[in-house]
């Protein structure tokens, strides 16, 4: 299926800020700030679209499991499900859409809990805000891990640095998932990197030689920094050769300590990006 044929919602704020959100996975796949022609989200030219697919790029949702940290498939099932549009609007405060996902026979066969998940996406001026809300609609508590997984488009990934992680502890997937303390100063992206940083500041900055992106989070205690490196992009059918040079993932997550929701309880995690 082509990106044009796959069901989606286009947001356009009066000030010109825009975004595209696909119903499959509730996946934001484009964000162009007001007054700009540059898409700040990366999507591979070889990305796959359609029901059951997770688009390679944009902002996939990891829920109810981050990565392979549990019995479910990688990053859980939310990114492979078709979500419903609950509401959409635009006014002087920007453009926004809410999508929702509710448990079904399919989800309960993988994860036996009753829930609703909502994704709120809003654009205005130079900002994109994405919020994931999970509600326990059942009669027993459940636990989950989650993340928003943005692929940020950059001119040269290996000239980028992430500021704000100094002094935090991270688990390095490339070193047997052992834990280390991040040194003071910016984190330079020099190649394949796959780290989960715990208890991070709520504001990080992705800095390129010619511009920066402010990344703020609420409700998510952790952060992930990922670049696949050339070996992984060469091994994945939905990556094109060289894609690793033009993307850096700086993710907001609830990973180290799972979120536990009692019946009727609700949790929200938000990531705000400002160009």
Protein backbone atom coordinates (compact mmCIF):
# COMPACT_ATOMS: atom_id res chain seq x y z
CA UNK A 1 0.00 0.00 0.00
CA UNK A 2 1.27 3.49 -0.84
CA UNK A 3 1.52 6.25 1.78
CA UNK A 4 -1.27 8.12 -0.04
CA UNK A 5 -3.66 5.15 0.06
CA UNK A 6 -3.07 4.24 3.71
CA UNK A 7 -5.75 5.87 5.93
CA UNK A 8 -4.45 9.04 7.54
CA UNK A 9 -5.36 12.43 8.98
CA UNK A 10 -3.67 15.64 7.86
CA UNK A 11 -3.42 18.46 10.39
CA UNK A 12 -3.01 22.06 9.24
CA UNK A 13 -2.97 24.88 11.77
CA UNK A 14 -3.93 28.42 10.71
CA UNK A 15 -0.31 29.49 11.19
CA UNK A 16 0.87 26.85 8.69
CA UNK A 17 2.15 24.17 11.08
CA UNK A 18 1.23 20.75 9.77
CA UNK A 19 1.43 17.05 10.52
CA UNK A 20 0.25 13.73 9.11
CA UNK A 21 -0.99 10.90 11.34
CA UNK A 22 -1.70 7.41 10.03
CA UNK A 23 -4.53 5.37 11.55
CA UNK A 24 -2.38 2.25 11.42
CA UNK A 25 -0.41 2.49 14.63
CA UNK A 26 -1.68 6.04 15.31
CA UNK A 27 1.67 6.94 13.83
CA UNK A 28 2.73 10.53 13.29
CA UNK A 29 4.76 10.41 10.07
CA UNK A 30 5.28 14.05 9.17
CA UNK A 31 5.74 17.31 11.08
CA UNK A 32 6.51 20.62 9.37
CA UNK A 33 6.67 23.63 11.72
CA UNK A 34 5.00 26.90 10.76
CA UNK A 35 7.09 28.98 8.38
CA UNK A 36 9.22 26.00 7.35
CA UNK A 37 9.35 23.59 4.45
CA UNK A 38 11.53 21.05 6.28
CA UNK A 39 9.95 17.91 7.66
CA UNK A 40 11.49 17.34 11.09
CA UNK A 41 10.52 13.65 11.15
CA UNK A 42 12.37 10.99 9.19
CA UNK A 43 10.56 8.26 7.24
CA UNK A 44 12.48 5.80 5.12
CA UNK A 45 11.73 5.74 1.40
CA UNK A 46 11.35 1.97 1.84
CA UNK A 47 8.84 2.18 4.72
CA UNK A 48 5.85 -0.15 4.56
CA UNK A 49 2.26 1.09 4.96
CA UNK A 50 -1.08 -0.52 5.65
CA UNK A 51 -2.87 -2.46 8.35
CA UNK A 52 -0.55 -4.55 10.47
CA UNK A 53 2.53 -2.58 9.41
CA UNK A 54 4.65 -0.24 11.50
CA UNK A 55 5.99 2.59 9.38
CA UNK A 56 9.79 2.80 9.48
CA UNK A 57 10.09 6.33 10.80
CA UNK A 58 7.84 9.01 12.20
CA UNK A 59 6.75 8.34 15.79
CA UNK A 60 5.83 4.70 16.45
CA UNK A 61 4.08 3.90 19.74
CA UNK A 62 5.62 1.25 21.99
CA UNK A 63 2.81 -0.24 24.11
CA UNK A 64 2.18 -2.29 26.21
CA UNK A 65 5.81 -3.38 26.03
CA UNK A 66 9.00 -1.57 25.18
CA UNK A 67 11.46 -3.50 23.03
CA UNK A 68 11.80 -7.19 23.79
CA UNK A 69 11.49 -6.63 27.55
CA UNK A 70 8.65 -9.10 28.06
CA UNK A 71 6.65 -11.90 26.43
CA UNK A 72 5.14 -9.82 23.61
CA UNK A 73 6.65 -9.13 20.22
CA UNK A 74 9.08 -6.22 19.83
CA UNK A 75 7.54 -2.98 21.16
CA UNK A 76 4.13 -4.55 21.77
CA UNK A 77 1.06 -4.48 19.54
CA UNK A 78 -0.21 -0.86 19.50
CA UNK A 79 1.99 0.12 16.57
CA UNK A 80 0.52 -2.71 14.46
CA UNK A 81 -3.17 -2.03 15.19
CA UNK A 82 -5.59 0.26 13.36
CA UNK A 83 -6.76 3.10 15.63
CA UNK A 84 -10.01 5.08 15.39
CA UNK A 85 -10.32 8.84 14.95
CA UNK A 86 -12.21 10.23 17.95
CA UNK A 87 -12.03 13.95 17.17
CA UNK A 88 -10.24 16.48 15.01
CA UNK A 89 -10.22 20.28 15.14
CA UNK A 90 -8.29 23.40 14.16
CA UNK A 91 -8.41 26.94 15.52
CA UNK A 92 -6.09 29.80 16.43
CA UNK A 93 -4.47 27.57 19.06
CA UNK A 94 -3.39 25.02 16.45
CA UNK A 95 -4.62 21.79 14.87
CA UNK A 96 -5.18 18.57 16.77
CA UNK A 97 -6.52 15.03 16.50
CA UNK A 98 -7.32 12.27 19.00
CA UNK A 99 -7.12 8.60 18.03
CA UNK A 100 -8.10 5.67 20.23
CA UNK A 101 -7.50 1.95 20.59
CA UNK A 102 -9.62 -0.38 22.74
CA UNK A 103 -8.94 -3.94 23.77
CA UNK A 104 -10.41 -6.64 21.53
CA UNK A 105 -10.30 -10.40 21.11
CA UNK A 106 -7.08 -9.87 19.15
CA UNK A 107 -5.33 -7.81 21.84
CA UNK A 108 -6.61 -9.95 24.72
CA UNK A 109 -5.15 -13.04 23.07
CA UNK A 110 -1.75 -11.35 23.38
CA UNK A 111 -2.27 -9.33 26.58
CA UNK A 112 -5.31 -10.34 28.67
CA UNK A 113 -6.42 -6.93 29.95
CA UNK A 114 -9.21 -4.43 29.29
CA UNK A 115 -7.92 -0.96 28.39
CA UNK A 116 -8.37 2.09 26.25
CA UNK A 117 -5.44 4.00 24.79
CA UNK A 118 -5.70 7.47 23.31
CA UNK A 119 -3.14 9.40 21.29
CA UNK A 120 -3.47 13.18 21.13
CA UNK A 121 -1.45 14.99 18.48
CA UNK A 122 -1.28 18.79 18.20
CA UNK A 123 0.72 21.22 16.09
CA UNK A 124 1.05 24.99 16.43
CA UNK A 125 3.85 27.38 15.48
CA UNK A 126 7.16 25.49 15.89
CA UNK A 127 5.88 22.73 18.19
CA UNK A 128 4.51 19.21 17.98
CA UNK A 129 2.90 17.66 21.06
CA UNK A 130 2.11 13.95 21.31
CA UNK A 131 0.38 12.46 24.37
CA UNK A 132 -0.37 8.82 25.08
CA UNK A 133 -3.11 8.13 27.66
CA UNK A 134 -3.83 4.62 28.93
CA UNK A 135 -6.89 3.78 31.05
CA UNK A 136 -7.52 0.49 32.86
CA UNK A 137 -11.14 -0.30 32.03
CA UNK A 138 -11.06 -3.77 33.59
CA UNK A 139 -11.42 -5.23 37.08
CA UNK A 140 -7.80 -6.22 37.74
CA UNK A 141 -4.61 -4.16 37.81
CA UNK A 142 -2.08 -4.39 35.00
CA UNK A 143 1.47 -3.23 34.35
CA UNK A 144 3.04 -2.02 31.11
CA UNK A 145 6.05 -0.27 29.65
CA UNK A 146 5.69 2.32 26.91
CA UNK A 147 7.54 4.84 24.78
CA UNK A 148 7.10 7.33 21.99
CA UNK A 149 9.78 6.50 19.43
CA UNK A 150 10.40 9.57 17.22
CA UNK A 151 12.81 9.35 14.32
CA UNK A 152 14.11 12.90 13.92
CA UNK A 153 15.34 13.90 10.48
CA UNK A 154 18.84 15.36 10.55
CA UNK A 155 21.27 16.43 7.88
CA UNK A 156 24.12 14.33 9.28
CA UNK A 157 23.45 12.08 12.25
CA UNK A 158 27.13 11.74 13.03
CA UNK A 159 27.53 15.48 13.47
CA UNK A 160 24.72 15.55 16.07
CA UNK A 161 24.81 15.55 19.86
CA UNK A 162 22.19 15.11 22.57
CA UNK A 163 22.49 17.58 25.44
CA UNK A 164 21.14 16.98 28.95
CA UNK A 165 22.06 13.37 29.72
CA UNK A 166 25.28 13.97 31.64
CA UNK A 167 25.39 12.17 34.99
CA UNK A 168 22.47 9.87 34.25
CA UNK A 169 22.65 6.07 34.29
CA UNK A 170 22.01 4.14 31.10
CA UNK A 171 21.64 0.54 30.03
CA UNK A 172 23.64 -0.15 26.87
CA UNK A 173 22.11 -2.79 24.61
CA UNK A 174 25.36 -2.97 22.65
CA UNK A 175 27.32 -3.96 25.77
CA UNK A 176 25.28 -6.86 27.12
CA UNK A 177 22.70 -4.45 28.57
CA UNK A 178 25.15 -3.48 31.31
CA UNK A 179 24.66 -0.19 33.14
CA UNK A 180 26.99 2.81 32.92
CA UNK A 181 27.03 6.44 34.04
CA UNK A 182 26.96 9.02 31.29
CA UNK A 183 29.85 11.50 31.50
CA UNK A 184 29.18 15.20 31.77
CA UNK A 185 28.72 17.09 28.52
CA UNK A 186 26.85 16.30 25.32
CA UNK A 187 26.42 12.79 23.94
CA UNK A 188 27.92 12.67 20.44
CA UNK A 189 26.21 10.36 17.94
CA UNK A 190 29.11 8.49 16.34
CA UNK A 191 27.46 5.36 14.94
CA UNK A 192 25.22 2.55 16.13
CA UNK A 193 23.86 3.46 19.57
CA UNK A 194 21.09 1.80 21.60
CA UNK A 195 20.75 3.10 25.15
CA UNK A 196 17.97 3.45 27.71
CA UNK A 197 18.67 6.32 30.12
CA UNK A 198 16.86 6.19 33.45
CA UNK A 199 15.44 9.10 35.46
CA UNK A 200 16.45 11.69 32.90
CA UNK A 201 15.78 15.44 32.91
CA UNK A 202 12.48 16.41 31.32
CA UNK A 203 14.21 18.62 28.73
CA UNK A 204 16.83 17.38 26.27
CA UNK A 205 18.21 19.06 23.16
CA UNK A 206 19.17 17.40 19.88
CA UNK A 207 21.78 19.73 18.42
CA UNK A 208 23.00 19.84 14.82
CA UNK A 209 25.70 22.19 13.54
CA UNK A 210 23.08 24.52 12.06
CA UNK A 211 19.97 24.05 14.23
CA UNK A 212 18.59 22.44 17.38
CA UNK A 213 15.46 20.65 18.54
CA UNK A 214 14.12 21.00 22.08
CA UNK A 215 12.57 17.76 23.38
CA UNK A 216 10.45 17.95 26.53
CA UNK A 217 8.65 15.10 28.27
CA UNK A 218 6.11 14.68 31.06
CA UNK A 219 4.97 11.43 32.69
CA UNK A 220 7.82 9.52 31.04
CA UNK A 221 10.75 9.14 33.45
CA UNK A 222 13.20 7.61 30.96
CA UNK A 223 14.76 8.43 27.61
CA UNK A 224 16.14 6.34 24.77
CA UNK A 225 18.81 7.32 22.25
CA UNK A 226 19.05 5.13 19.16
CA UNK A 227 20.71 5.13 15.78
CA UNK A 228 20.74 1.81 13.90
CA UNK A 229 24.12 2.18 12.25
CA UNK A 230 24.90 0.94 8.76
CA UNK A 231 24.82 -2.76 9.62
CA UNK A 232 21.21 -2.68 10.78
CA UNK A 233 19.91 -0.47 7.96
CA UNK A 234 21.53 -2.86 5.50
CA UNK A 235 19.80 -5.84 7.13
CA UNK A 236 16.24 -4.45 7.27
CA UNK A 237 13.98 -4.48 4.22
CA UNK A 238 12.20 -1.28 5.28
CA UNK A 239 15.42 0.73 5.57
CA UNK A 240 17.32 2.12 2.60
CA UNK A 241 21.09 2.10 2.48
CA UNK A 242 22.42 5.19 4.21
CA UNK A 243 19.26 5.93 6.19
CA UNK A 244 21.28 5.82 9.41
CA UNK A 245 23.02 9.02 8.34
CA UNK A 246 19.80 11.04 8.35
CA UNK A 247 17.97 10.01 11.54
CA UNK A 248 18.41 10.08 15.30
CA UNK A 249 15.85 8.74 17.76
CA UNK A 250 15.49 10.53 21.10
CA UNK A 251 12.55 8.85 22.79
CA UNK A 252 10.44 9.43 25.88
CA UNK A 253 9.73 6.23 27.78
CA UNK A 254 8.44 4.52 30.90
CA UNK A 255 10.77 1.55 30.75
CA UNK A 256 12.89 0.92 33.83
CA UNK A 257 9.92 0.69 36.21
CA UNK A 258 6.68 -0.49 34.60
CA UNK A 259 3.57 1.65 35.04
CA UNK A 260 1.00 -0.12 37.23
CA UNK A 261 -2.64 0.87 36.75
CA UNK A 262 -5.38 -0.13 39.15
CA UNK A 263 -8.92 -0.65 37.78
CA UNK A 264 -10.30 2.69 36.62
CA UNK A 265 -6.92 4.43 36.84
CA UNK A 266 -5.40 6.50 34.04
CA UNK A 267 -1.84 7.40 33.04
CA UNK A 268 -0.59 9.97 30.52
CA UNK A 269 2.85 10.44 29.01
CA UNK A 270 3.64 13.43 26.78
CA UNK A 271 6.48 14.39 24.48
CA UNK A 272 6.70 18.00 23.26
CA UNK A 273 9.07 18.84 20.42
CA UNK A 274 9.98 22.40 19.52
CA UNK A 275 12.01 23.30 16.45
